[in-house]
PDB file of N, CA and C in Angstrom:
ATOM      1  N   MET A   1      38.713  -7.143 -40.387  1.00  0.00           N
ATOM      2  CA  MET A   1      37.786  -7.956 -41.015  1.00  0.00           C
ATOM      3  C   MET A   1      36.828  -7.162 -41.419  1.00  0.00           C
ATOM      4  N   THR A   2      36.505  -6.094 -40.905  1.00  0.00           N
ATOM      5  CA  THR A   2      35.188  -5.009 -41.886  1.00  0.00           C
ATOM      6  C   THR A   2      35.779  -3.887 -41.990  1.00  0.00           C
ATOM      7  N   ALA A   3      35.534  -3.141 -43.639  1.00  0.00           N
ATOM      8  CA  ALA A   3      35.445  -1.759 -43.746  1.00  0.00           C
ATOM      9  C   ALA A   3      34.226  -1.563 -44.477  1.00  0.00           C
ATOM     10  N   VAL A   4      33.867  -0.027 -43.971  1.00  0.00           N
ATOM     11  CA  VAL A   4      32.400   0.435 -44.349  1.00  0.00           C
ATOM     12  C   VAL A   4      32.604   1.913 -44.581  1.00  0.00           C
ATOM     13  N   ASP A   5      32.140   1.799 -45.640  1.00  0.00           N
ATOM     14  CA  ASP A   5      32.185   2.843 -46.936  1.00  0.00           C
ATOM     15  C   ASP A   5      30.972   3.735 -46.979  1.00  0.00           C
ATOM     16  N   ARG A   6      30.911   4.889 -47.611  1.00  0.00           N
ATOM     17  CA  ARG A   6      29.510   5.466 -48.097  1.00  0.00           C
ATOM     18  C   ARG A   6      29.485   6.252 -49.390  1.00  0.00           C
ATOM     19  N   ARG A   7      28.954   6.047 -49.972  1.00  0.00           N
ATOM     20  CA  ARG A   7      28.770   6.928 -51.207  1.00  0.00           C
ATOM     21  C   ARG A   7      27.041   6.493 -51.781  1.00  0.00           C
ATOM     22  N   PRO A   8      26.962   7.916 -52.420  1.00  0.00           N
ATOM     23  CA  PRO A   8      25.409   8.227 -52.910  1.00  0.00           C
ATOM     24  C   PRO A   8      25.164   7.553 -53.993  1.00  0.00           C
ATOM     25  N   PRO A   9      24.587   6.434 -54.191  1.00  0.00           N
ATOM     26  CA  PRO A   9      24.016   6.220 -55.893  1.00  0.00           C
ATOM     27  C   PRO A   9      23.275   6.696 -56.784  1.00  0.00           C
ATOM     28  N   ARG A  10      22.588   8.014 -55.749  1.00  0.00           N
ATOM     29  CA  ARG A  10      21.647   9.089 -56.683  1.00  0.00           C
ATOM     30  C   ARG A  10      21.373  10.035 -55.509  1.00  0.00           C
ATOM     31  N   PRO A  11      21.253  11.605 -56.186  1.00  0.00           N
ATOM     32  CA  PRO A  11      21.050  12.563 -55.088  1.00  0.00           C
ATOM     33  C   PRO A  11      19.746  11.872 -54.123  1.00  0.00           C
ATOM     34  N   GLY A  12      20.157  12.337 -52.670  1.00  0.00           N
ATOM     35  CA  GLY A  12      19.217  12.582 -51.469  1.00  0.00           C
ATOM     36  C   GLY A  12      18.776  10.984 -50.973  1.00  0.00           C
ATOM     37  N   VAL A  13      19.633  10.475 -51.717  1.00  0.00           N
ATOM     38  CA  VAL A  13      19.622   8.460 -50.900  1.00  0.00           C
ATOM     39  C   VAL A  13      20.898   8.081 -50.300  1.00  0.00           C
ATOM     40  N   GLU A  14      21.420   8.061 -49.121  1.00  0.00           N
ATOM     41  CA  GLU A  14      23.144   7.897 -49.168  1.00  0.00           C
ATOM     42  C   GLU A  14      22.906   6.484 -48.434  1.00  0.00           C
ATOM     43  N   TRP A  15      23.836   5.365 -48.914  1.00  0.00           N
ATOM     44  CA  TRP A  15      23.759   4.163 -48.309  1.00  0.00           C
ATOM     45  C   TRP A  15      24.789   3.983 -47.444  1.00  0.00           C
ATOM     46  N   GLU A  16      24.798   3.371 -46.865  1.00  0.00           N
ATOM     47  CA  GLU A  16      26.290   2.955 -45.872  1.00  0.00           C
ATOM     48  C   GLU A  16      26.608   1.536 -46.286  1.00  0.00           C
ATOM     49  N   PHE A  17      27.611   1.087 -46.739  1.00  0.00           N
ATOM     50  CA  PHE A  17      28.477  -0.163 -47.422  1.00  0.00           C
ATOM     51  C   PHE A  17      29.542  -0.789 -46.090  1.00  0.00           C
ATOM     52  N   ASP A  18      29.292  -1.801 -45.925  1.00  0.00           N
ATOM     53  CA  ASP A  18      30.293  -2.871 -45.087  1.00  0.00           C
ATOM     54  C   ASP A  18      30.869  -4.158 -45.497  1.00  0.00           C
ATOM     55  N   THR A  19      31.684  -4.560 -46.046  1.00  0.00           N
ATOM     56  CA  THR A  19      32.317  -5.617 -46.265  1.00  0.00           C
ATOM     57  C   THR A  19      32.705  -6.522 -45.208  1.00  0.00           C
ATOM     58  N   VAL A  20      32.453  -7.775 -45.282  1.00  0.00           N
ATOM     59  CA  VAL A  20      32.770  -8.805 -44.359  1.00  0.00           C
ATOM     60  C   VAL A  20      32.913 -10.239 -45.006  1.00  0.00           C
ATOM     61  N   THR A  21      34.340 -10.450 -44.930  1.00  0.00           N
ATOM     62  CA  THR A  21      34.652 -11.650 -45.178  1.00  0.00           C
ATOM     63  C   THR A  21      35.036 -12.816 -44.602  1.00  0.00           C
ATOM     64  N   PHE A  22      34.438 -13.840 -44.929  1.00  0.00           N
ATOM     65  CA  PHE A  22      34.562 -15.162 -43.932  1.00  0.00           C
ATOM     66  C   PHE A  22      35.713 -16.211 -44.625  1.00  0.00           C
ATOM     67  N   SER A  23      35.859 -16.582 -43.562  1.00  0.00           N
ATOM     68  CA  SER A  23      36.945 -17.989 -44.535  1.00  0.00           C
ATOM     69  C   SER A  23      36.380 -18.873 -44.609  1.00  0.00           C
ATOM     70  N   ARG A  24      36.907 -19.701 -45.842  1.00  0.00           N
ATOM     71  CA  ARG A  24      36.383 -21.150 -45.938  1.00  0.00           C
ATOM     72  C   ARG A  24      35.659 -21.822 -45.642  1.00  0.00           C
ATOM     73  N   GLU A  25      36.451 -22.037 -44.277  1.00  0.00           N
ATOM     74  CA  GLU A  25      36.393 -23.006 -42.747  1.00  0.00           C
ATOM     75  C   GLU A  25      35.032 -22.729 -42.684  1.00  0.00           C
ATOM     76  N   LEU A  26      34.112 -21.903 -42.124  1.00  0.00           N
ATOM     77  CA  LEU A  26      33.262 -21.588 -41.919  1.00  0.00           C
ATOM     78  C   LEU A  26      31.485 -22.452 -42.484  1.00  0.00           C
ATOM     79  N   LYS A  27      30.979 -22.935 -41.930  1.00  0.00           N
ATOM     80  CA  LYS A  27      29.527 -23.810 -42.809  1.00  0.00           C
ATOM     81  C   LYS A  27      28.892 -22.553 -43.241  1.00  0.00           C
ATOM     82  N   ARG A  28      28.358 -23.229 -43.984  1.00  0.00           N
ATOM     83  CA  ARG A  28      27.567 -22.776 -44.862  1.00  0.00           C
ATOM     84  C   ARG A  28      26.213 -21.932 -43.941  1.00  0.00           C
ATOM     85  N   SER A  29      25.774 -23.046 -43.047  1.00  0.00           N
ATOM     86  CA  SER A  29      24.574 -22.516 -41.821  1.00  0.00           C
ATOM     87  C   SER A  29      25.151 -21.349 -40.886  1.00  0.00           C
ATOM     88  N   ALA A  30      26.428 -21.402 -40.975  1.00  0.00           N
ATOM     89  CA  ALA A  30      26.937 -20.935 -39.543  1.00  0.00           C
ATOM     90  C   ALA A  30      26.988 -19.068 -40.244  1.00  0.00           C
ATOM     91  N   VAL A  31      27.454 -19.194 -41.454  1.00  0.00           N
ATOM     92  CA  VAL A  31      27.220 -17.837 -41.986  1.00  0.00           C
ATOM     93  C   VAL A  31      26.081 -16.915 -42.364  1.00  0.00           C
ATOM     94  N   THR A  32      25.295 -17.821 -42.407  1.00  0.00           N
ATOM     95  CA  THR A  32      24.057 -17.304 -42.776  1.00  0.00           C
ATOM     96  C   THR A  32      23.628 -17.167 -41.517  1.00  0.00           C
ATOM     97  N   LYS A  33      23.980 -17.746 -40.227  1.00  0.00           N
ATOM     98  CA  LYS A  33      23.191 -17.561 -38.910  1.00  0.00           C
ATOM     99  C   LYS A  33      23.677 -15.945 -38.497  1.00  0.00           C
ATOM    100  N   LEU A  34      24.961 -15.784 -38.821  1.00  0.00           N
ATOM    101  CA  LEU A  34      25.973 -14.570 -38.217  1.00  0.00           C
ATOM    102  C   LEU A  34      25.297 -13.189 -39.312  1.00  0.00           C
ATOM    103  N   LEU A  35      25.108 -13.472 -40.770  1.00  0.00           N
ATOM    104  CA  LEU A  35      24.448 -12.253 -40.970  1.00  0.00           C
ATOM    105  C   LEU A  35      22.728 -11.767 -41.418  1.00  0.00           C
ATOM    106  N   VAL A  36      22.443 -12.558 -40.630  1.00  0.00           N
ATOM    107  CA  VAL A  36      20.714 -12.905 -40.203  1.00  0.00           C
ATOM    108  C   VAL A  36      20.898 -12.222 -38.885  1.00  0.00           C
ATOM    109  N   GLU A  37      21.896 -12.207 -38.097  1.00  0.00           N
ATOM    110  CA  GLU A  37      21.979 -11.700 -37.095  1.00  0.00           C
ATOM    111  C   GLU A  37      22.589 -10.034 -37.133  1.00  0.00           C
ATOM    112  N   ARG A  38      23.395  -9.767 -38.102  1.00  0.00           N
ATOM    113  CA  ARG A  38      23.429  -8.755 -38.357  1.00  0.00           C
ATOM    114  C   ARG A  38      22.325  -7.697 -39.177  1.00  0.00           C
ATOM    115  N   ALA A  39      21.335  -8.310 -40.537  1.00  0.00           N
ATOM    116  CA  ALA A  39      20.379  -7.929 -40.597  1.00  0.00           C
ATOM    117  C   ALA A  39      19.006  -7.237 -39.802  1.00  0.00           C
ATOM    118  N   GLU A  40      19.153  -8.305 -38.405  1.00  0.00           N
ATOM    119  CA  GLU A  40      17.837  -8.315 -37.702  1.00  0.00           C
ATOM    120  C   GLU A  40      18.328  -7.194 -36.671  1.00  0.00           C
ATOM    121  N   HIS A  41      19.682  -6.860 -36.025  1.00  0.00           N
ATOM    122  CA  HIS A  41      19.976  -5.862 -35.049  1.00  0.00           C
ATOM    123  C   HIS A  41      20.718  -4.914 -35.782  1.00  0.00           C
ATOM    124  N   GLY A  42      20.986  -4.745 -36.966  1.00  0.00           N
ATOM    125  CA  GLY A  42      21.879  -3.985 -37.242  1.00  0.00           C
ATOM    126  C   GLY A  42      21.270  -2.941 -38.632  1.00  0.00           C
ATOM    127  N   GLY A  43      20.627  -3.447 -39.302  1.00  0.00           N
ATOM    128  CA  GLY A  43      19.261  -3.273 -39.869  1.00  0.00           C
ATOM    129  C   GLY A  43      20.464  -3.066 -41.576  1.00  0.00           C
ATOM    130  N   TRP A  44      20.949  -4.000 -41.481  1.00  0.00           N
ATOM    131  CA  TRP A  44      21.601  -4.508 -42.976  1.00  0.00           C
ATOM    132  C   TRP A  44      21.043  -5.259 -43.861  1.00  0.00           C
ATOM    133  N   VAL A  45      21.337  -4.943 -45.684  1.00  0.00           N
ATOM    134  CA  VAL A  45      20.822  -5.592 -46.392  1.00  0.00           C
ATOM    135  C   VAL A  45      21.642  -6.419 -46.866  1.00  0.00           C
ATOM    136  N   LEU A  46      21.243  -7.495 -47.594  1.00  0.00           N
ATOM    137  CA  LEU A  46      22.051  -8.505 -48.297  1.00  0.00           C
ATOM    138  C   LEU A  46      22.295  -7.593 -49.650  1.00  0.00           C
ATOM    139  N   ASP A  47      23.458  -6.729 -50.053  1.00  0.00           N
ATOM    140  CA  ASP A  47      24.012  -6.172 -51.484  1.00  0.00           C
ATOM    141  C   ASP A  47      24.860  -7.091 -52.519  1.00  0.00           C
ATOM    142  N   ARG A  48      25.456  -8.084 -52.287  1.00  0.00           N
ATOM    143  CA  ARG A  48      26.420  -9.074 -52.969  1.00  0.00           C
ATOM    144  C   ARG A  48      26.823  -9.598 -52.145  1.00  0.00           C
ATOM    145  N   VAL A  49      27.214 -11.292 -52.804  1.00  0.00           N
ATOM    146  CA  VAL A  49      28.112 -12.454 -52.218  1.00  0.00           C
ATOM    147  C   VAL A  49      29.149 -12.702 -53.554  1.00  0.00           C
ATOM    148  N   ARG A  50      30.482 -12.546 -52.930  1.00  0.00           N
ATOM    149  CA  ARG A  50      31.926 -13.111 -54.048  1.00  0.00           C
ATOM    150  C   ARG A  50      32.535 -14.120 -53.434  1.00  0.00           C
ATOM    151  N   ILE A  51      32.375 -15.416 -53.848  1.00  0.00           N
ATOM    152  CA  ILE A  51      33.088 -16.368 -53.479  1.00  0.00           C
ATOM    153  C   ILE A  51      34.207 -16.466 -54.284  1.00  0.00           C
ATOM    154  N   THR A  52      35.440 -16.450 -53.562  1.00  0.00           N
ATOM    155  CA  THR A  52      36.546 -16.504 -54.750  1.00  0.00           C
ATOM    156  C   THR A  52      37.146 -17.975 -54.505  1.00  0.00           C
ATOM    157  N   ALA A  53      38.216 -17.853 -55.516  1.00  0.00           N
ATOM    158  CA  ALA A  53      39.025 -19.223 -55.902  1.00  0.00           C
ATOM    159  C   ALA A  53      39.432 -19.296 -54.760  1.00  0.00           C
ATOM    160  N   ASP A  54      39.933 -19.229 -53.760  1.00  0.00           N
ATOM    161  CA  ASP A  54      40.241 -20.445 -52.607  1.00  0.00           C
ATOM    162  C   ASP A  54      39.080 -20.776 -51.556  1.00  0.00           C
ATOM    163  N   GLY A  55      38.299 -20.067 -51.844  1.00  0.00           N
ATOM    164  CA  GLY A  55      36.591 -20.804 -51.091  1.00  0.00           C
ATOM    165  C   GLY A  55      36.333 -19.125 -49.695  1.00  0.00           C
ATOM    166  N   LYS A  56      36.990 -18.006 -49.939  1.00  0.00           N
ATOM    167  CA  LYS A  56      36.807 -17.073 -49.072  1.00  0.00           C
ATOM    168  C   LYS A  56      34.974 -16.441 -49.621  1.00  0.00           C
ATOM    169  N   ARG A  57      34.300 -16.299 -49.127  1.00  0.00           N
ATOM    170  CA  ARG A  57      32.957 -15.504 -49.221  1.00  0.00           C
ATOM    171  C   ARG A  57      33.399 -13.860 -48.431  1.00  0.00           C
ATOM    172  N   ARG A  58      33.040 -13.335 -49.919  1.00  0.00           N
ATOM    173  CA  ARG A  58      33.302 -11.708 -49.335  1.00  0.00           C
ATOM    174  C   ARG A  58      31.462 -11.355 -49.626  1.00  0.00           C
ATOM    175  N   VAL A  59      30.845 -10.832 -48.442  1.00  0.00           N
ATOM    176  CA  VAL A  59      29.677 -10.269 -48.429  1.00  0.00           C
ATOM    177  C   VAL A  59      30.021  -8.756 -48.241  1.00  0.00           C
ATOM    178  N   VAL A  60      29.054  -8.174 -49.241  1.00  0.00           N
ATOM    179  CA  VAL A  60      28.834  -6.146 -49.330  1.00  0.00           C
ATOM    180  C   VAL A  60      27.158  -6.390 -48.523  1.00  0.00           C
ATOM    181  N   LEU A  61      27.377  -6.160 -47.332  1.00  0.00           N
ATOM    182  CA  LEU A  61      26.175  -5.097 -46.879  1.00  0.00           C
ATOM    183  C   LEU A  61      26.108  -3.881 -47.295  1.00  0.00           C
ATOM    184  N   ARG A  62      24.525  -3.661 -47.236  1.00  0.00           N
ATOM    185  CA  ARG A  62      24.202  -2.129 -46.999  1.00  0.00           C
ATOM    186  C   ARG A  62      22.983  -1.583 -46.178  1.00  0.00           C
ATOM    187  N   ARG A  63      22.747  -0.298 -45.824  1.00  0.00           N
ATOM    188  CA  ARG A  63      21.601  -0.015 -45.131  1.00  0.00           C
ATOM    189  C   ARG A  63      21.309   1.536 -45.717  1.00  0.00           C
ATOM    190  N   LYS A  64      20.666   2.099 -45.677  1.00  0.00           N
ATOM    191  CA  LYS A  64      20.124   3.179 -45.599  1.00  0.00           C
ATOM    192  C   LYS A  64      20.544   4.331 -44.719  1.00  0.00           C
ATOM    193  N   ILE A  65      20.940   5.346 -45.322  1.00  0.00           N
ATOM    194  CA  ILE A  65      21.062   6.639 -43.925  1.00  0.00           C
ATOM    195  C   ILE A  65      20.390   7.075 -43.680  1.00  0.00           C
ATOM    196  N   ILE A  66      19.580   7.950 -42.668  1.00  0.00           N
ATOM    197  CA  ILE A  66      18.428   8.902 -42.642  1.00  0.00           C
ATOM    198  C   ILE A  66      18.997   9.970 -41.994  1.00  0.00           C
ATOM    199  N   ARG A  67      19.353  10.442 -42.758  1.00  0.00           N
ATOM    200  CA  ARG A  67      19.773  12.228 -42.441  1.00  0.00           C
ATOM    201  C   ARG A  67      18.549  12.845 -41.756  1.00  0.00           C
ATOM    202  N   ALA A  68      18.378  13.381 -40.064  1.00  0.00           N
ATOM    203  CA  ALA A  68      17.444  13.952 -39.590  1.00  0.00           C
ATOM    204  C   ALA A  68      17.705  15.167 -40.176  1.00  0.00           C
ATOM    205  N   VAL A  69      16.550  16.052 -40.573  1.00  0.00           N
ATOM    206  CA  VAL A  69      16.221  17.109 -41.127  1.00  0.00           C
ATOM    207  C   VAL A  69      15.840  18.525 -39.512  1.00  0.00           C
ATOM    208  N   ARG A  70      16.103  19.059 -39.085  1.00  0.00           N
ATOM    209  CA  ARG A  70      16.395  19.952 -38.696  1.00  0.00           C
ATOM    210  C   ARG A  70      14.927  21.451 -39.075  1.00  0.00           C
ATOM    211  N   THR A  71      14.290  20.658 -38.158  1.00  0.00           N
ATOM    212  CA  THR A  71      12.801  21.937 -38.272  1.00  0.00           C
ATOM    213  C   THR A  71      12.607  23.003 -37.712  1.00  0.00           C
ATOM    214  N   ALA A  72      12.364  24.118 -38.511  1.00  0.00           N
ATOM    215  CA  ALA A  72      12.414  25.606 -37.428  1.00  0.00           C
ATOM    216  C   ALA A  72      11.405  25.726 -36.359  1.00  0.00           C
TER     217      ALA A  72
END
């Protein structure tokens, strides 16, 4: 139900993307609660929402990848 990919939009910044699909049977309030939970505990930010013709919600979340730089 979840697919994660990584793509750099510009040099030096990397984002991790997570696509989540919700069925049409879930209420809007339930979807909101699930997304808030992921945002608070996983550091995800809403990137885009697409509602398909059959009523499914496809949500793309993103978060910045922070690379640790080794110091000498």
